[in-house]
Protein backbone atom coordinates (compact mmCIF):
# COMPACT_ATOMS: atom_id res chain seq x y z
CA UNK A 1 -0.08 -0.07 -0.08
CA UNK A 2 1.48 3.19 -1.15
CA UNK A 3 4.40 1.52 -2.33
CA UNK A 4 5.28 4.09 -5.05
CA UNK A 5 5.16 6.90 -2.21
CA UNK A 6 6.85 5.34 0.39
CA UNK A 7 9.98 4.11 -2.29
CA UNK A 8 12.31 1.48 -1.35
CA UNK A 9 15.73 0.80 0.26
CA UNK A 10 18.78 -0.99 -1.34
CA UNK A 11 20.15 -3.95 0.26
CA UNK A 12 23.13 -1.35 1.31
CA UNK A 13 20.60 0.83 3.16
CA UNK A 14 20.76 3.30 0.41
CA UNK A 15 17.43 4.82 -0.53
CA UNK A 16 16.72 4.65 -3.95
CA UNK A 17 13.19 6.12 -4.34
CA UNK A 18 9.89 8.05 -3.43
CA UNK A 19 10.20 9.35 -0.19
CA UNK A 20 12.59 7.02 1.52
CA UNK A 21 14.93 8.85 -0.96
CA UNK A 22 14.17 12.72 -0.67
CA UNK A 23 13.44 12.62 3.29
CA UNK A 24 16.53 10.20 3.89
CA UNK A 25 18.45 13.11 5.68
CA UNK A 26 15.25 13.54 8.02
CA UNK A 27 14.69 9.66 8.43
CA UNK A 28 18.28 8.21 8.84
CA UNK A 29 19.08 9.77 12.28
CA UNK A 30 22.50 9.98 13.31
CA UNK A 31 25.01 7.43 14.68
CA UNK A 32 26.64 7.46 18.09
CA UNK A 33 30.21 6.75 19.36
CA UNK A 34 31.97 6.10 22.86
CA UNK A 35 35.17 7.40 22.95
CA UNK A 36 37.91 5.83 25.72
CA UNK A 37 41.45 5.35 26.73
CA UNK A 38 43.50 1.88 26.39
CA UNK A 39 46.91 0.90 27.81
CA UNK A 40 49.67 -1.05 26.25
CA UNK A 41 47.66 -3.98 27.04
CA UNK A 42 44.72 -3.80 25.15
CA UNK A 43 42.62 -2.91 28.10
CA UNK A 44 40.62 -0.19 29.02
CA UNK A 45 41.72 2.89 31.29
CA UNK A 46 39.13 2.92 34.24
CA UNK A 47 40.08 6.66 35.08
CA UNK A 48 40.70 8.05 31.40
CA UNK A 49 39.12 9.25 29.05
CA UNK A 50 35.58 8.05 28.81
CA UNK A 51 33.08 10.24 26.31
CA UNK A 52 29.88 8.57 25.32
CA UNK A 53 27.57 10.18 22.28
CA UNK A 54 24.25 9.04 21.83
CA UNK A 55 22.58 7.59 18.66
CA UNK A 56 19.97 9.90 17.59
CA UNK A 57 16.87 8.13 15.91
CA UNK A 58 15.46 9.71 12.82
CA UNK A 59 12.52 11.19 12.92
CA UNK A 60 9.17 9.72 11.93
CA UNK A 61 7.72 11.40 8.34
CA UNK A 62 3.81 11.56 8.37
CA UNK A 63 1.80 11.58 5.70
CA UNK A 64 -1.36 12.70 4.74
CA UNK A 65 -2.37 9.49 3.08
CA UNK A 66 -5.34 8.11 4.94
CA UNK A 67 -3.86 4.25 4.33
CA UNK A 68 -7.68 2.42 4.15
CA UNK A 69 -8.55 4.87 0.92
CA UNK A 70 -5.18 4.49 -0.55
CA UNK A 71 -5.85 0.65 -0.81
CA UNK A 72 -9.31 0.63 -1.98
CA UNK A 73 -8.22 3.35 -4.28
CA UNK A 74 -5.24 1.53 -5.54
CA UNK A 75 -7.45 -1.76 -6.18
CA UNK A 76 -10.02 0.48 -8.06
CA UNK A 77 -7.38 1.87 -10.65
CA UNK A 78 -5.40 -1.30 -11.04
CA UNK A 79 -9.06 -2.81 -11.89
CA UNK A 80 -9.58 -0.22 -14.09
CA UNK A 81 -6.32 -0.78 -16.00
CA UNK A 82 -6.87 -4.17 -16.27
CA UNK A 83 -10.23 -3.89 -17.71
CA UNK A 84 -8.83 -1.84 -20.89
CA UNK A 85 -5.52 -3.47 -20.74
CA UNK A 86 -4.11 0.21 -20.56
CA UNK A 87 -0.62 1.01 -20.19
CA UNK A 88 -1.05 2.53 -16.85
CA UNK A 89 -2.94 4.07 -14.55
CA UNK A 90 -3.36 6.91 -12.06
CA UNK A 91 -6.11 7.77 -9.31
CA UNK A 92 -5.71 11.11 -6.86
CA UNK A 93 -7.87 11.96 -3.79
CA UNK A 94 -7.31 15.66 -2.56
CA UNK A 95 -9.25 17.35 0.14
CA UNK A 96 -10.00 20.60 -1.79
CA UNK A 97 -9.78 23.07 1.44
CA UNK A 98 -6.55 21.66 3.04
CA UNK A 99 -4.70 20.68 -0.54
CA UNK A 100 -4.09 17.41 1.74
CA UNK A 101 -3.57 14.32 -0.28
CA UNK A 102 -5.47 11.11 0.62
CA UNK A 103 -4.68 8.94 -1.79
CA UNK A 104 -2.45 8.74 -4.62
CA UNK A 105 -2.50 5.58 -6.33
CA UNK A 106 -0.94 3.88 -9.57
CA UNK A 107 -1.20 0.67 -11.06
CA UNK A 108 1.50 -2.16 -10.63
CA UNK A 109 2.07 -0.48 -7.71
CA UNK A 110 5.69 -1.73 -6.10
CA UNK A 111 6.48 -3.21 -3.75
CA UNK A 112 8.99 -2.19 -1.10
CA UNK A 113 10.60 -5.24 0.51
CA UNK A 114 11.01 -6.54 -3.26
CA UNK A 115 11.15 -3.79 -5.59
CA UNK A 116 13.02 -6.46 -8.45
CA UNK A 117 9.17 -7.86 -9.27
CA UNK A 118 7.59 -4.08 -10.38
CA UNK A 119 9.41 -2.78 -13.84
CA UNK A 120 11.40 0.12 -12.87
CA UNK A 121 9.29 2.33 -15.08
CA UNK A 122 6.40 1.40 -12.95
CA UNK A 123 8.22 2.62 -9.53
CA UNK A 124 7.61 5.82 -9.60
CA UNK A 125 4.94 8.19 -8.55
CA UNK A 126 3.05 8.91 -12.16
CA UNK A 127 1.03 11.83 -10.69
CA UNK A 128 4.15 13.89 -10.22
CA UNK A 129 6.38 12.32 -12.78
CA UNK A 130 4.27 12.21 -15.99
CA UNK A 131 3.22 14.83 -18.33
CA UNK A 132 1.16 14.39 -21.11
CA UNK A 133 -1.25 16.51 -23.22
CA UNK A 134 -4.89 16.75 -20.45
CA UNK A 135 -7.07 17.35 -22.97
CA UNK A 136 -10.61 18.75 -22.53
CA UNK A 137 -10.81 18.95 -18.90
CA UNK A 138 -8.03 21.93 -19.59
CA UNK A 139 -11.22 23.65 -20.97
CA UNK A 140 -12.04 24.16 -17.30
CA UNK A 141 -9.52 26.50 -16.69
CA UNK A 142 -10.99 28.19 -20.19
CA UNK A 143 -13.66 29.11 -18.91
CA UNK A 144 -12.43 30.30 -15.60
CA UNK A 145 -10.78 32.93 -17.47
CA UNK A 146 -13.55 34.15 -19.33
CA UNK A 147 -15.94 34.59 -16.67
CA UNK A 148 -13.27 36.56 -14.54
CA UNK A 149 -11.96 38.94 -17.63
CA UNK A 150 -15.68 39.75 -18.23
CA UNK A 151 -15.65 38.06 -21.50
CA UNK A 152 -18.63 35.14 -21.53
CA UNK A 153 -20.65 34.05 -18.28
CA UNK A 154 -22.58 30.50 -18.59
CA UNK A 155 -25.39 31.71 -20.56
CA UNK A 156 -23.47 33.16 -22.76
CA UNK A 157 -24.96 32.43 -26.42
CA UNK A 158 -22.86 31.12 -29.48
CA UNK A 159 -23.87 30.23 -33.01
CA UNK A 160 -21.37 27.25 -33.37
CA UNK A 161 -21.22 25.61 -37.00
CA UNK A 162 -20.46 21.75 -38.15
CA UNK A 163 -17.08 23.54 -38.07
CA UNK A 164 -15.10 26.56 -37.32
CA UNK A 165 -11.97 28.22 -39.32
CA UNK A 166 -10.39 30.98 -37.54
CA UNK A 167 -6.67 32.64 -38.69
CA UNK A 168 -6.92 29.74 -41.60
CA UNK A 169 -7.20 27.21 -38.65
CA UNK A 170 -10.33 24.50 -38.84
CA UNK A 171 -11.39 23.10 -35.84
CA UNK A 172 -14.12 20.12 -35.66
CA UNK A 173 -15.81 18.01 -32.46
CA UNK A 174 -15.77 14.60 -31.60
CA UNK A 175 -18.92 14.30 -32.30
CA UNK A 176 -20.92 15.20 -35.84
CA UNK A 177 -23.30 17.99 -35.42
CA UNK A 178 -24.80 20.92 -37.64
CA UNK A 179 -25.35 24.35 -36.53
CA UNK A 180 -26.14 24.66 -33.17
CA UNK A 181 -27.12 27.66 -30.59
CA UNK A 182 -24.72 26.48 -27.43
CA UNK A 183 -24.70 28.33 -23.99
CA UNK A 184 -21.12 28.51 -23.01
CA UNK A 185 -21.95 25.62 -20.39
CA UNK A 186 -23.57 23.37 -23.11
CA UNK A 187 -20.01 23.67 -24.63
CA UNK A 188 -17.96 22.39 -21.79
CA UNK A 189 -21.26 20.27 -20.96
CA UNK A 190 -20.42 18.60 -24.63
CA UNK A 191 -16.96 19.50 -24.64
CA UNK A 192 -17.01 21.44 -27.78
CA UNK A 193 -13.53 21.99 -29.57
CA UNK A 194 -15.22 24.24 -31.91
CA UNK A 195 -17.29 26.32 -29.14
CA UNK A 196 -14.25 26.52 -26.66
CA UNK A 197 -12.06 28.44 -29.25
CA UNK A 198 -14.68 30.38 -30.66
CA UNK A 199 -15.28 31.59 -26.81
CA UNK A 200 -11.57 31.57 -26.24
CA UNK A 201 -10.77 33.77 -28.90
CA UNK A 202 -11.94 36.40 -26.90
CA UNK A 203 -8.88 36.50 -24.85
CA UNK A 204 -5.47 37.48 -26.31
CA UNK A 205 -2.89 35.14 -26.36
CA UNK A 206 -0.68 36.56 -23.12
CA UNK A 207 -4.13 36.62 -20.94
CA UNK A 208 -4.64 32.71 -22.54
CA UNK A 209 -0.87 32.17 -21.42
CA UNK A 210 -1.77 34.20 -18.17
CA UNK A 211 -4.53 32.22 -16.72
CA UNK A 212 -2.69 28.97 -17.26
CA UNK A 213 0.20 30.26 -15.42
CA UNK A 214 -2.22 31.42 -12.51
CA UNK A 215 -3.64 28.08 -12.56
CA UNK A 216 -0.23 26.24 -12.06
CA UNK A 217 0.33 24.76 -15.52
CA UNK A 218 3.76 24.67 -16.08
CA UNK A 219 4.49 25.75 -12.46
CA UNK A 220 6.64 23.22 -9.93
CA UNK A 221 4.30 21.63 -7.23
CA UNK A 222 6.78 20.07 -4.77
CA UNK A 223 5.17 17.43 -2.60
CA UNK A 224 8.69 15.58 -1.75
CA UNK A 225 8.66 13.30 -4.13
CA UNK A 226 11.52 12.79 -6.44
CA UNK A 227 11.41 13.27 -10.92
CA UNK A 228 8.63 16.23 -10.52
CA UNK A 229 7.63 16.73 -14.36
CA UNK A 230 6.94 20.86 -14.63
CA UNK A 231 5.41 20.08 -18.07
CA UNK A 232 5.50 21.95 -21.13
CA UNK A 233 3.47 26.11 -21.41
CA UNK A 234 5.06 27.75 -24.10
CA UNK A 235 4.91 31.47 -24.58
CA UNK A 236 2.46 33.23 -26.84
CA UNK A 237 5.63 34.05 -28.51
CA UNK A 238 6.65 30.15 -29.69
CA UNK A 239 2.81 29.16 -30.07
CA UNK A 240 2.06 28.49 -33.66
CA UNK A 241 -0.94 29.54 -35.56
CA UNK A 242 -2.66 26.72 -34.84
CA UNK A 243 -1.43 26.23 -31.13
CA UNK A 244 -2.58 29.47 -29.86
CA UNK A 245 -6.23 28.11 -29.42
CA UNK A 246 -5.44 23.96 -29.36
CA UNK A 247 -4.07 24.93 -25.65
CA UNK A 248 -7.96 26.59 -25.18
CA UNK A 249 -8.59 23.21 -25.49
CA UNK A 250 -5.37 20.84 -23.58
CA UNK A 251 -3.50 20.21 -26.58
CA UNK A 252 -0.07 21.90 -27.39
CA UNK A 253 0.23 21.84 -23.47
CA UNK A 254 1.57 19.25 -21.01
CA UNK A 255 0.97 18.77 -17.63
CA UNK A 256 1.24 15.93 -15.02
CA UNK A 257 -2.00 14.60 -12.72
CA UNK A 258 -1.02 16.67 -9.91
CA UNK A 259 -1.24 20.08 -12.04
CA UNK A 260 -4.35 19.46 -13.23
CA UNK A 261 -5.75 18.40 -9.67
CA UNK A 262 -3.87 21.70 -8.23
CA UNK A 263 -5.81 23.69 -10.70
CA UNK A 264 -9.37 22.28 -10.07
CA UNK A 265 -8.60 22.46 -6.33
CA UNK A 266 -8.76 25.98 -7.08
CA UNK A 267 -11.71 25.87 -8.86
CA UNK A 268 -13.50 24.19 -6.04
CA UNK A 269 -12.42 25.96 -3.52
CA UNK A 270 -14.10 29.18 -4.51
CA UNK A 271 -11.31 30.07 -6.66
CA UNK A 272 -8.56 30.11 -3.33
CA UNK A 273 -5.45 27.42 -4.51
CA UNK A 274 -3.73 26.13 -1.67
CA UNK A 275 -0.39 24.35 -1.46
CA UNK A 276 -0.75 20.00 -2.74
CA UNK A 277 0.35 18.72 1.14
CA UNK A 278 1.55 15.15 0.90
CA UNK A 279 4.16 15.35 4.09
CA UNK A 280 1.52 16.17 7.05
CA UNK A 281 4.35 16.15 9.90
CA UNK A 282 7.70 15.49 11.05
CA UNK A 283 7.39 13.93 14.60
CA UNK A 284 10.99 13.59 16.80
CA UNK A 285 12.18 11.07 18.71
CA UNK A 286 10.48 13.10 21.64
CA UNK A 287 7.15 13.31 20.20
CA UNK A 288 7.48 17.20 18.95
CA UNK A 289 5.91 17.61 15.55
CA UNK A 290 6.60 20.19 13.05
CA UNK A 291 4.69 21.07 9.62
CA UNK A 292 6.87 21.69 6.38
CA UNK A 293 6.45 24.97 4.72
CA UNK A 294 4.09 25.33 2.75
CA UNK A 295 3.21 28.59 0.18
CA UNK A 296 0.82 30.77 0.94
CA UNK A 297 -2.73 30.41 -0.47
CA UNK A 298 -3.43 32.60 -3.47
CA UNK A 299 -6.83 33.53 -4.79
CA UNK A 300 -6.91 32.94 -8.51
CA UNK A 301 -10.08 33.96 -9.57
CA UNK A 302 -12.92 35.17 -7.38
CA UNK A 303 -15.57 33.13 -5.42
CA UNK A 304 -18.39 34.41 -7.88
CA UNK A 305 -16.27 33.13 -10.96
CA UNK A 306 -15.29 29.84 -9.34
CA UNK A 307 -19.09 29.27 -7.95
CA UNK A 308 -20.36 30.04 -11.48
CA UNK A 309 -17.58 27.55 -13.18
CA UNK A 310 -18.23 24.91 -10.34
CA UNK A 311 -22.08 25.36 -11.30
CA UNK A 312 -21.05 24.72 -15.12
CA UNK A 313 -19.05 21.40 -13.43
CA UNK A 314 -22.31 20.46 -11.76
CA UNK A 315 -24.46 20.98 -15.09
CA UNK A 316 -21.28 18.72 -17.41
CA UNK A 317 -23.07 15.59 -14.73
CA UNK A 318 -27.16 16.79 -14.86
CA UNK A 319 -27.37 17.81 -18.56
CA UNK A 320 -24.48 17.44 -20.32
CA UNK A 321 -22.32 14.26 -21.26
CA UNK A 322 -20.57 13.51 -18.03
CA UNK A 323 -23.96 12.06 -16.63
CA UNK A 324 -22.49 8.59 -15.68
CA UNK A 325 -20.48 9.83 -13.07
CA UNK A 326 -23.72 11.16 -11.45
CA UNK A 327 -23.71 9.21 -7.53
CA UNK A 328 -26.82 8.77 -5.69
CA UNK A 329 -27.50 11.11 -3.25
CA UNK A 330 -24.81 13.28 -3.99
CA UNK A 331 -24.25 16.67 -5.78
CA UNK A 332 -21.01 15.79 -8.02
CA UNK A 333 -19.39 18.27 -10.81
CA UNK A 334 -16.96 16.87 -13.37
CA UNK A 335 -15.20 16.56 -17.04
CA UNK A 336 -13.74 14.44 -18.69
CA UNK A 337 -10.62 14.74 -21.36
CA UNK A 338 -9.32 12.76 -23.90
CA UNK A 339 -5.74 13.46 -25.79
CA UNK A 340 -3.52 11.45 -28.23
CA UNK A 341 -0.18 9.65 -26.76
CA UNK A 342 2.74 10.22 -28.75
CA UNK A 343 4.75 7.66 -29.34
CA UNK A 344 7.46 6.58 -27.44
CA UNK A 345 10.05 5.03 -30.34
CA UNK A 346 11.41 7.76 -30.98
CA UNK A 347 9.16 7.76 -34.43
CA UNK A 348 7.16 11.07 -34.90
CA UNK A 349 3.15 10.99 -34.42
CA UNK A 350 1.08 8.71 -31.65
CA UNK A 351 0.11 6.16 -30.38
CA UNK A 352 -3.43 5.85 -28.67
CA UNK A 353 -4.83 7.82 -26.13
CA UNK A 354 -4.72 9.45 -22.83
CA UNK A 355 -8.03 9.36 -20.82
CA UNK A 356 -8.83 11.25 -17.94
CA UNK A 357 -12.64 12.41 -15.68
CA UNK A 358 -11.70 14.73 -12.83
CA UNK A 359 -15.02 15.77 -10.64
CA UNK A 360 -15.77 17.27 -7.23
CA UNK A 361 -18.36 16.66 -4.63
CA UNK A 362 -20.46 17.77 -2.56
CA UNK A 363 -21.25 20.77 -5.26
CA UNK A 364 -23.23 22.46 -2.44
CA UNK A 365 -19.79 23.02 -0.93
CA UNK A 366 -16.76 21.13 -2.86
CA UNK A 367 -14.77 19.06 -0.25
CA UNK A 368 -13.25 15.98 -2.18
CA UNK A 369 -11.80 15.96 -5.53
CA UNK A 370 -11.05 12.68 -7.38
CA UNK A 371 -8.85 12.39 -10.41
CA UNK A 372 -8.79 9.31 -12.68
CA UNK A 373 -6.26 8.76 -15.84
CA UNK A 374 -5.14 5.87 -17.76
CA UNK A 375 -2.81 5.47 -20.64
CA UNK A 376 -3.31 3.89 -23.94
CA UNK A 377 -6.46 2.04 -23.30
CA UNK A 378 -7.51 -0.87 -25.96
CA UNK A 379 -10.96 -0.32 -27.18
CA UNK A 380 -12.91 2.21 -29.14
CA UNK A 381 -12.10 5.64 -27.89
CA UNK A 382 -15.99 6.67 -27.28
CA UNK A 383 -16.86 3.19 -25.12
CA UNK A 384 -13.90 4.15 -22.68
CA UNK A 385 -15.11 5.64 -19.65
CA UNK A 386 -13.47 6.89 -16.16
CA UNK A 387 -16.61 7.34 -15.08
CA UNK A 388 -17.10 3.91 -13.14
CA UNK A 389 -13.57 4.17 -11.11
CA UNK A 390 -14.63 7.72 -10.47
CA UNK A 391 -17.95 6.60 -8.90
CA UNK A 392 -16.32 4.61 -6.63
CA UNK A 393 -13.28 5.92 -5.53
CA UNK A 394 -15.93 9.09 -4.78
CA UNK A 395 -18.55 7.05 -2.95
CA UNK A 396 -15.83 5.40 -0.62
CA UNK A 397 -14.27 8.99 0.24
CA UNK A 398 -17.79 10.58 0.71
CA UNK A 399 -18.82 7.69 3.08
CA UNK A 400 -15.22 7.15 4.92
CA UNK A 401 -15.20 10.65 6.33
CA UNK A 402 -19.00 10.85 6.93
CA UNK A 403 -20.32 13.33 4.26
CA UNK A 404 -24.31 13.74 4.77
CA UNK A 405 -26.24 13.48 1.68
CA UNK A 406 -26.79 16.69 -0.74
CA UNK A 407 -28.71 19.61 -0.23
CA UNK A 408 -29.81 22.38 -2.37
CA UNK A 409 -31.24 21.43 -5.78
CA UNK A 410 -28.67 20.34 -8.45
CA UNK A 411 -27.30 23.04 -11.02
CA UNK A 412 -29.12 22.27 -14.47
CA UNK A 413 -27.48 25.40 -17.07
CA UNK A 414 -29.34 24.52 -20.25
CA UNK A 415 -27.05 23.37 -22.64
CA UNK A 416 -28.52 25.00 -25.84
CA UNK A 417 -29.46 28.68 -26.26
CA UNK A 418 -33.28 29.71 -26.86
């Protein structure tokens, strides 16, 4: 349980992976010593120098991880990975108020007592080390930027043709449709690339870049694990004619799963981004505790903007295409994403897809975030979904922490303009 987070040591005691490696100086303590004088016969001289320096135990590193929830989440993501014969899978559970990571699970989890049984590529925490194009889960950031900049609101109306061309670049959607009258909520709810570009072009290239940066894309998110991937967010000056628009729907930009979760945490927490936390405290041999230093909270968008985006995410589930993520008795908001996975054999091009779903609950006051990602699943892309594992893990989380059933009326923003 949690092997990819805890890490392991070699046969010689060298820390080789995970928190064992990054926290080695804290964990290992200091050796003790004893110094005394001996005579020529090799016997100790009783009244001579006798100095004892006691050994000092290392500190205990206390994690934010809930071991029961971690175990459950590991089983869930392994089942999902096996179901679709995927290359790997990731699942994260975060407390949106504190930033505490309650579970961070990888498929093919390593056993720290026998790491050799797990392939080297599977021994790390991919939620931190793997950067990929996030796809349509990124549209949520675009919507937040549009609303915060006063360029649109959830009920803004757009006439969307079957394909949309701007600056010589043509964009299409994953489904075939005629000319439609859509709201901004409907663009997100049905994950329309065309509508996202149409609405998003109201933001200047610099504004697009600035908002992605404010939401932590391309920015470090150190939680104490090795191999952190920053991802790639090029500057507007580096974007070509197409990339300046594809970033709006999560292509032409790469990031880790944890970076994506951090962005959604800010939305769930009424616009306030907090430092994600994996290490809760250090406990010394006397039981004294100290907490690692964290970055101060930042107000990324206003509370009003965040709550409007929350309503859009909830409408994705009640009215849009993410209905399978619904959980009986609880109000849920969620977004799906699919992107092409680049080949890893040195040949240009793509090979398979990355499929993700990230959501939050309960929507009357979002408390928990669950993200699920699987890499290169096999099968029909339109038949692949992560809603089942999302429901399972989110339900377990809500029940584990005694969250009462939801109150209030679920958001049901219209997806089509009148």
